[in-house]
Amino acid sequence: MGTDSLFRLTVSCSPQCRERPKKVSVPHFRQNCQFRRGIQATAWLGVLLTAGCGSVGEPLPPLLHIPEQSHDFRARQVQDSVLLEWTWPALTTEGMPASVVTRFDVHALAMSGPGEPPPLDVFERESTQLASLSGDDLKTSEPGGRLNLRLPAEPMRGKILALAVRAQSRRGRVGGFSNLFVLGVIAPPARPGDPLIQVEPTDIVLTWEPAPGADSYQVLRAEKSDGPFRELGRSIEPQFRDNAFQWDRQYFYRVKSFARSQSGEVEGGASGTIAVDARDRFAPATPSGLRAVVGTASVELSWQHNSEPDVAGYRVWRGDSAGNLAPLAAELLRAANYTDSEVRPGQTYFHAVSAVDEKGNESARCEAVSVTVPEAGVAP
């Protein structure tokens, strides 16, 4: 290979190859150029990769997984227990699912009297842990679900407590306290006696023995023995009248006692469940105001309408004496009047009326009135 050929090769490679063309052998020259081509190719590949991936930013800090606060914490006393309820936070403070929560701690702070809960910073500093929920107790719920905890009321009796709950992650990081709830714990009222039930024409009347310590009573009713029981109403007296029922149905009743604490109501025990068949065996009232006007060949009868809404009609009775009456027609009369045209001149007739309801219950007959039909040609 001549000098010109060598020079042309060095031009295509690098300036270093052109500096000493006469002293560089062909094998050495090729090796040197290949090495430098490799360096240049590697450098260009790095530039291309960097341009494709974008610029490198600051490293992100690790997530803390701090649970959010619960905002619907509630507490109430039911007999000898205190029931606590709240919602498992769905997210962490960083907006991630709060599946890292492994326990919930309930804290309490005794208050000197009823009123607003203490400031949150005071509660955080002075409250003590009352109970916790963890392990298997959390397996039946999940973030966003409802949690509840039952505690004995006896250690808290006679106190007014500010209560709150907060969550803790598996790394020991705790969230903020929930809303504070004030609860006064007292001796619960006793259970009322089983109700006595009497069915009346317009009401089912319940009465029961008073419960010591009770301020009011809740009356519950169901259409099945196992419920569901729904509240009918409240009473401060040991009695209640149920007028929101239907005939020919069976109902189940129970009564629950309540008392007032310094922070709200305390639920007491419930009576036994008593069943009653609501059967309409009550006849309408006896019709009143019966009048009889005699004509030459008929007797016009009229009376006052009954006020019961289930009255189906009236039955008219006639006879030759007040003690010997028979119905005039098989069908009931809807109107409160009737014309008896099957009379004879010169005869004396006694008429009476009874009322019949939709269940077939019939009232007593009203007092009979008598009229004498005049002879033919004689004005009545």
Protein backbone atom coordinates (compact mmCIF):
# COMPACT_ATOMS: atom_id res chain seq x y z
CA MET A 1 0.00 0.00 0.00
CA GLY A 2 1.43 3.40 -1.01
CA THR A 3 1.57 6.62 0.87
CA ASP A 4 -1.44 8.04 -0.89
CA SER A 5 -3.53 5.04 0.03
CA LEU A 6 -2.39 5.29 3.64
CA PHE A 7 -3.24 8.98 3.73
CA ARG A 8 -6.73 8.37 2.42
CA LEU A 9 -7.37 5.87 5.15
CA THR A 10 -6.18 8.19 7.86
CA VAL A 11 -8.43 10.99 6.64
CA SER A 12 -11.43 8.75 7.11
CA CYS A 13 -10.42 7.85 10.66
CA SER A 14 -8.99 10.54 12.93
CA PRO A 15 -6.53 13.42 13.12
CA GLN A 16 -4.21 11.28 15.18
CA CYS A 17 -3.81 8.94 12.22
CA ARG A 18 -2.82 11.83 9.94
CA GLU A 19 -0.02 13.08 12.17
CA ARG A 20 2.44 10.26 11.37
CA PRO A 21 1.25 8.48 8.24
CA LYS A 22 4.68 7.27 7.15
CA LYS A 23 5.52 5.55 10.46
CA VAL A 24 2.28 3.70 11.06
CA SER A 25 1.89 0.19 9.76
CA VAL A 26 -1.33 -0.94 8.24
CA PRO A 27 -2.26 -3.50 10.97
CA HIS A 28 -1.51 -1.06 13.73
CA PHE A 29 -3.40 1.66 11.94
CA ARG A 30 -6.48 -0.53 11.54
CA GLN A 31 -6.44 -1.57 15.18
CA ASN A 32 -6.14 2.04 16.36
CA CYS A 33 -8.98 3.22 14.12
CA GLN A 34 -11.27 0.40 15.20
CA PHE A 35 -10.64 1.20 18.86
CA ARG A 36 -11.44 4.86 18.34
CA ARG A 37 -14.56 4.00 16.35
CA GLY A 38 -15.75 1.94 19.31
CA ILE A 39 -15.23 4.88 21.68
CA GLN A 40 -17.11 7.24 19.39
CA ALA A 41 -20.00 4.78 18.90
CA THR A 42 -20.32 4.26 22.66
CA ALA A 43 -20.39 8.00 23.25
CA TRP A 44 -23.08 8.55 20.63
CA LEU A 45 -25.18 5.70 22.08
CA GLY A 46 -25.06 7.36 25.49
CA VAL A 47 -26.21 10.64 24.01
CA LEU A 48 -29.13 8.95 22.24
CA LEU A 49 -30.24 7.06 25.36
CA THR A 50 -30.09 10.20 27.45
CA ALA A 51 -32.20 12.12 24.94
CA GLY A 52 -34.81 9.33 24.79
CA CYS A 53 -35.31 9.02 28.59
CA GLY A 54 -35.64 12.72 29.41
CA SER A 55 -33.80 14.67 32.03
CA VAL A 56 -33.04 13.17 35.42
CA GLY A 57 -34.94 14.91 38.29
CA GLU A 58 -34.48 15.00 42.05
CA PRO A 59 -35.07 11.64 43.82
CA LEU A 60 -38.52 11.27 45.46
CA PRO A 61 -38.75 10.77 49.25
CA PRO A 62 -40.21 7.46 50.48
CA LEU A 63 -43.96 7.32 51.32
CA LEU A 64 -44.74 7.69 55.03
CA HIS A 65 -48.09 5.83 54.95
CA ILE A 66 -49.67 7.92 57.72
CA PRO A 67 -53.41 7.06 58.01
CA GLU A 68 -55.94 9.84 57.66
CA GLN A 69 -58.22 10.79 60.56
CA SER A 70 -61.67 9.34 61.12
CA HIS A 71 -64.35 12.02 61.20
CA ASP A 72 -67.45 10.10 62.33
CA PHE A 73 -66.39 8.62 65.66
CA ARG A 74 -69.41 7.96 67.93
CA ALA A 75 -69.99 6.50 71.39
CA ARG A 76 -73.13 5.46 73.25
CA GLN A 77 -74.02 3.50 76.35
CA VAL A 78 -76.25 0.44 75.96
CA GLN A 79 -77.07 -1.17 79.30
CA ASP A 80 -73.76 -2.21 80.89
CA SER A 81 -71.64 -1.58 77.78
CA VAL A 82 -70.19 1.37 75.90
CA LEU A 83 -70.35 0.96 72.13
CA LEU A 84 -67.77 2.78 69.99
CA GLU A 85 -68.17 3.14 66.22
CA TRP A 86 -66.10 4.77 63.48
CA THR A 87 -65.04 4.39 59.85
CA TRP A 88 -61.68 2.93 58.85
CA PRO A 89 -59.97 5.72 56.84
CA ALA A 90 -59.88 4.82 53.17
CA LEU A 91 -56.63 6.71 52.40
CA THR A 92 -53.35 7.81 53.89
CA THR A 93 -52.37 11.47 54.14
CA GLU A 94 -50.53 10.95 50.84
CA GLY A 95 -53.67 9.75 49.08
CA MET A 96 -52.69 6.06 49.02
CA PRO A 97 -55.00 3.20 50.13
CA ALA A 98 -54.83 2.86 53.92
CA SER A 99 -54.25 -0.89 53.88
CA VAL A 100 -51.12 -0.42 56.00
CA VAL A 101 -53.19 0.19 59.18
CA THR A 102 -52.64 -2.55 61.76
CA ARG A 103 -54.36 -1.12 64.85
CA PHE A 104 -56.67 1.55 66.20
CA ASP A 105 -56.18 3.07 69.64
CA VAL A 106 -59.03 4.64 71.62
CA HIS A 107 -58.04 7.41 74.05
CA ALA A 108 -60.07 8.98 76.85
CA LEU A 109 -59.82 12.13 78.95
CA ALA A 110 -61.99 12.69 82.04
CA MET A 111 -63.92 15.97 82.03
CA SER A 112 -65.10 17.96 85.05
CA GLY A 113 -68.61 18.37 83.63
CA PRO A 114 -70.74 18.23 80.50
CA GLY A 115 -70.05 20.58 77.63
CA GLU A 116 -67.76 20.99 74.69
CA PRO A 117 -64.76 18.62 74.44
CA PRO A 118 -61.32 20.00 75.32
CA PRO A 119 -59.02 21.48 72.66
CA LEU A 120 -57.30 18.86 70.56
CA ASP A 121 -53.82 19.77 71.75
CA VAL A 122 -54.94 19.32 75.37
CA PHE A 123 -56.49 15.96 74.51
CA GLU A 124 -53.32 14.81 72.73
CA ARG A 125 -51.21 15.79 75.69
CA GLU A 126 -53.35 14.58 78.61
CA SER A 127 -55.49 11.68 77.33
CA THR A 128 -54.64 8.05 78.04
CA GLN A 129 -55.22 4.94 75.99
CA LEU A 130 -58.47 3.24 76.89
CA ALA A 131 -58.57 0.30 74.46
CA SER A 132 -57.29 -0.85 71.07
CA LEU A 133 -58.50 -2.84 68.09
CA SER A 134 -55.98 -4.95 66.14
CA GLY A 135 -55.14 -8.37 64.74
CA ASP A 136 -58.08 -10.68 64.15
CA ASP A 137 -60.50 -7.92 65.13
CA LEU A 138 -59.65 -6.11 61.89
CA LYS A 139 -59.94 -9.09 59.54
CA THR A 140 -63.66 -8.65 59.02
CA SER A 141 -63.33 -5.06 57.81
CA GLU A 142 -61.23 -3.04 55.37
CA PRO A 143 -60.40 0.58 54.52
CA GLY A 144 -63.62 2.52 54.16
CA GLY A 145 -65.56 -0.01 56.26
CA ARG A 146 -67.31 0.46 59.59
CA LEU A 147 -65.60 -0.60 62.84
CA ASN A 148 -67.08 -1.03 66.30
CA LEU A 149 -65.76 -1.85 69.74
CA ARG A 150 -67.72 -2.83 72.87
CA LEU A 151 -66.28 -1.94 76.29
CA PRO A 152 -67.61 -2.61 79.82
CA ALA A 153 -69.28 0.49 81.22
CA GLU A 154 -68.60 -0.27 84.89
CA PRO A 155 -65.03 1.19 85.02
CA MET A 156 -66.34 4.40 83.42
CA ARG A 157 -69.53 4.74 85.49
CA GLY A 158 -70.06 8.16 87.02
CA LYS A 159 -67.59 9.86 84.65
CA ILE A 160 -67.91 12.23 81.73
CA LEU A 161 -65.29 11.33 79.14
CA ALA A 162 -63.94 12.88 75.97
CA LEU A 163 -63.18 10.01 73.59
CA ALA A 164 -61.36 9.73 70.25
CA VAL A 165 -59.62 7.14 68.09
CA ARG A 166 -56.54 7.18 65.88
CA ALA A 167 -54.97 4.67 63.49
CA GLN A 168 -51.45 3.24 63.46
CA SER A 169 -49.57 1.76 60.49
CA ARG A 170 -47.44 -1.39 60.53
CA ARG A 171 -44.33 0.80 60.80
CA GLY A 172 -45.66 2.46 63.94
CA ARG A 173 -46.68 5.74 62.34
CA VAL A 174 -49.88 7.18 63.83
CA GLY A 175 -52.46 9.43 62.26
CA GLY A 176 -54.24 12.29 63.93
CA PHE A 177 -57.06 11.82 66.41
CA SER A 178 -60.60 11.61 65.13
CA ASN A 179 -63.33 14.01 66.16
CA LEU A 180 -63.76 14.10 69.95
CA PHE A 181 -67.00 12.69 71.39
CA VAL A 182 -68.28 13.42 74.90
CA LEU A 183 -70.03 10.59 76.78
CA GLY A 184 -71.48 10.49 80.29
CA VAL A 185 -71.66 6.97 81.75
CA ILE A 186 -74.33 6.18 84.36
CA ALA A 187 -76.06 3.20 85.95
CA PRO A 188 -78.43 1.98 83.21
CA PRO A 189 -82.19 1.77 83.79
CA ALA A 190 -83.73 -1.60 84.55
CA ARG A 191 -85.79 -3.48 81.99
CA PRO A 192 -89.54 -2.83 82.00
CA GLY A 193 -92.05 -5.54 82.74
CA ASP A 194 -93.61 -7.51 79.89
CA PRO A 195 -96.50 -5.51 78.42
CA LEU A 196 -100.13 -6.41 78.95
CA ILE A 197 -102.13 -5.96 75.77
CA GLN A 198 -105.80 -5.14 75.31
CA VAL A 199 -107.45 -4.79 71.91
CA GLU A 200 -110.04 -2.02 71.70
CA PRO A 201 -112.24 -0.90 68.79
CA THR A 202 -109.74 1.75 67.63
CA ASP A 203 -106.51 1.03 69.57
CA ILE A 204 -104.25 -1.74 70.81
CA VAL A 205 -103.44 -0.65 74.35
CA LEU A 206 -100.15 -1.65 76.04
CA THR A 207 -99.41 -1.26 79.74
CA TRP A 208 -96.37 -2.45 81.71
CA GLU A 209 -94.66 -2.24 85.08
CA PRO A 210 -92.36 0.81 85.33
CA ALA A 211 -88.60 0.25 85.13
CA PRO A 212 -86.54 1.71 88.00
CA GLY A 213 -84.28 4.48 86.74
CA ALA A 214 -86.15 4.93 83.46
CA ASP A 215 -87.14 8.37 82.17
CA SER A 216 -88.94 7.18 79.03
CA TYR A 217 -89.88 4.08 77.09
CA GLN A 218 -89.57 3.04 73.48
CA VAL A 219 -92.36 0.85 72.07
CA LEU A 220 -91.30 -1.52 69.29
CA ARG A 221 -93.48 -3.60 66.98
CA ALA A 222 -92.87 -6.33 64.41
CA GLU A 223 -94.99 -8.62 62.26
CA LYS A 224 -92.73 -11.61 62.92
CA SER A 225 -91.48 -12.93 66.23
CA ASP A 226 -87.84 -12.52 65.15
CA GLY A 227 -88.35 -9.01 63.77
CA PRO A 228 -87.41 -6.68 62.38
CA PHE A 229 -88.74 -4.55 65.25
CA ARG A 230 -89.44 -0.90 64.42
CA GLU A 231 -90.14 1.97 66.77
CA LEU A 232 -93.81 2.90 67.09
CA GLY A 233 -93.25 5.78 69.45
CA ARG A 234 -92.05 6.97 72.86
CA SER A 235 -93.87 7.38 76.14
CA ILE A 236 -92.90 8.84 79.50
CA GLU A 237 -95.68 6.81 81.13
CA PRO A 238 -95.80 2.99 81.33
CA GLN A 239 -98.54 2.77 78.71
CA PHE A 240 -99.00 3.27 74.98
CA ARG A 241 -101.89 3.25 72.50
CA ASP A 242 -101.22 1.84 69.03
CA ASN A 243 -103.78 3.12 66.53
CA ALA A 244 -101.62 2.44 63.44
CA PHE A 245 -102.58 -1.19 62.97
CA GLN A 246 -104.77 -3.28 60.66
CA TRP A 247 -107.31 -5.88 61.59
CA ASP A 248 -106.74 -9.59 60.96
CA ARG A 249 -102.98 -9.37 61.49
CA GLN A 250 -100.68 -10.66 64.17
CA TYR A 251 -98.28 -8.24 65.87
CA PHE A 252 -95.36 -8.65 68.26
CA TYR A 253 -94.54 -5.97 70.81
CA ARG A 254 -91.68 -5.22 73.17
CA VAL A 255 -90.78 -2.21 75.32
CA LYS A 256 -87.32 -0.77 75.99
CA SER A 257 -86.35 1.61 78.80
CA PHE A 258 -84.21 4.76 78.49
CA ALA A 259 -82.59 7.18 80.93
CA ARG A 260 -80.90 10.55 80.53
CA SER A 261 -77.23 11.04 81.32
CA GLN A 262 -75.38 14.37 81.34
CA SER A 263 -74.45 13.85 77.69
CA GLY A 264 -77.49 12.11 76.20
CA GLU A 265 -79.66 9.00 76.34
CA VAL A 266 -78.68 5.67 77.85
CA GLU A 267 -80.42 2.59 76.54
CA GLY A 268 -81.68 0.11 79.11
CA GLY A 269 -83.01 -3.40 78.82
CA ALA A 270 -85.98 -4.61 76.79
CA SER A 271 -89.06 -6.45 77.96
CA GLY A 272 -90.08 -9.82 76.67
CA THR A 273 -91.90 -10.07 73.34
CA ILE A 274 -95.70 -10.34 73.49
CA ALA A 275 -97.88 -11.40 70.55
CA VAL A 276 -101.45 -10.31 69.83
CA ASP A 277 -103.98 -11.21 67.13
CA ALA A 278 -105.74 -8.07 65.97
CA ARG A 279 -109.23 -9.44 65.32
CA ASP A 280 -112.17 -7.12 64.84
CA ARG A 281 -114.82 -8.50 67.15
CA PHE A 282 -116.31 -5.12 67.91
CA ALA A 283 -119.79 -4.25 66.72
CA PRO A 284 -120.64 -0.71 65.61
CA ALA A 285 -122.51 1.62 67.89
CA THR A 286 -126.28 1.25 68.11
CA PRO A 287 -127.97 3.61 65.63
CA SER A 288 -129.67 6.60 67.16
CA GLY A 289 -132.35 9.14 66.26
CA LEU A 290 -134.86 6.72 64.75
CA ARG A 291 -138.04 8.45 63.57
CA ALA A 292 -141.19 6.93 62.03
CA VAL A 293 -143.66 8.96 59.94
CA VAL A 294 -146.86 7.10 59.03
CA GLY A 295 -148.74 7.54 55.75
CA THR A 296 -151.94 6.07 54.41
CA ALA A 297 -150.15 2.98 53.08
CA SER A 298 -146.55 3.18 54.33
CA VAL A 299 -144.24 4.08 57.19
CA GLU A 300 -141.24 6.33 56.46
CA LEU A 301 -138.23 5.56 58.69
CA SER A 302 -135.05 7.66 59.13
CA TRP A 303 -132.12 7.74 61.58
CA GLN A 304 -128.63 9.17 62.06
CA HIS A 305 -125.63 7.72 60.24
CA ASN A 306 -123.04 5.87 62.33
CA SER A 307 -119.59 7.50 62.48
CA GLU A 308 -117.51 4.29 62.25
CA PRO A 309 -115.64 4.08 58.93
CA ASP A 310 -116.17 0.32 58.60
CA VAL A 311 -119.98 0.31 58.82
CA ALA A 312 -121.24 -1.76 55.90
CA GLY A 313 -124.95 -0.94 56.29
CA TYR A 314 -128.11 -1.12 58.39
CA ARG A 315 -130.77 -3.71 59.08
CA VAL A 316 -134.41 -2.68 59.67
CA TRP A 317 -136.54 -4.70 62.05
CA ARG A 318 -140.36 -4.81 62.35
CA GLY A 319 -142.90 -6.60 64.53
CA ASP A 320 -146.20 -6.33 66.32
CA SER A 321 -144.46 -5.60 69.61
CA ALA A 322 -141.06 -4.33 70.81
CA GLY A 323 -140.08 -7.85 71.88
CA ASN A 324 -141.17 -9.59 68.69
CA LEU A 325 -139.17 -8.12 65.80
CA ALA A 326 -137.88 -9.68 62.60
CA PRO A 327 -135.67 -8.25 59.82
CA LEU A 328 -137.53 -6.77 56.89
CA ALA A 329 -134.88 -7.52 54.21
CA ALA A 330 -131.93 -9.86 53.79
CA GLU A 331 -129.68 -7.21 52.28
CA LEU A 332 -128.24 -4.34 54.25
CA LEU A 333 -129.29 -0.75 53.63
CA ARG A 334 -126.55 1.74 52.75
CA ALA A 335 -128.76 4.79 53.35
CA ALA A 336 -130.03 5.86 56.75
CA ASN A 337 -133.70 5.73 55.71
CA TYR A 338 -136.28 3.18 54.65
CA THR A 339 -139.89 3.08 53.39
CA ASP A 340 -141.97 0.23 54.78
CA SER A 341 -144.84 -0.12 52.31
CA GLU A 342 -145.95 -3.57 53.42
CA VAL A 343 -148.29 -2.36 56.12
CA ARG A 344 -152.05 -2.75 56.60
CA PRO A 345 -154.54 -0.13 57.63
CA GLY A 346 -155.57 -0.20 61.25
CA GLN A 347 -152.46 -2.14 62.34
CA THR A 348 -149.83 -1.03 64.87
CA TYR A 349 -146.16 -1.68 63.97
CA PHE A 350 -142.91 -1.50 65.90
CA HIS A 351 -139.68 -0.66 64.05
CA ALA A 352 -136.01 -0.74 65.10
CA VAL A 353 -132.61 -0.48 63.36
CA SER A 354 -129.19 -2.15 63.88
CA ALA A 355 -125.80 -1.41 62.25
CA VAL A 356 -123.47 -4.04 60.72
CA ASP A 357 -119.76 -3.56 59.97
CA GLU A 358 -117.57 -5.06 57.24
CA LYS A 359 -116.58 -8.00 59.45
CA GLY A 360 -120.22 -8.91 60.05
CA ASN A 361 -120.28 -7.60 63.60
CA GLU A 362 -123.79 -6.31 64.34
CA SER A 363 -124.82 -3.75 66.92
CA ALA A 364 -127.74 -4.01 69.26
CA ARG A 365 -131.07 -2.78 67.93
CA CYS A 366 -132.05 0.72 68.83
CA GLU A 367 -135.13 1.33 70.93
CA ALA A 368 -138.20 0.43 68.87
CA VAL A 369 -140.70 3.10 67.83
CA SER A 370 -144.37 2.30 67.17
CA VAL A 371 -146.89 3.69 64.69
CA THR A 372 -150.49 2.83 63.81
CA VAL A 373 -151.49 2.86 60.19
CA PRO A 374 -154.82 4.68 59.81
CA GLU A 375 -157.90 3.07 58.37
CA ALA A 376 -158.71 3.70 54.74
CA GLY A 377 -160.20 7.16 54.22
CA VAL A 378 -158.84 8.40 57.56
CA ALA A 379 -156.10 11.01 57.40
CA PRO A 380 -152.93 10.01 59.27
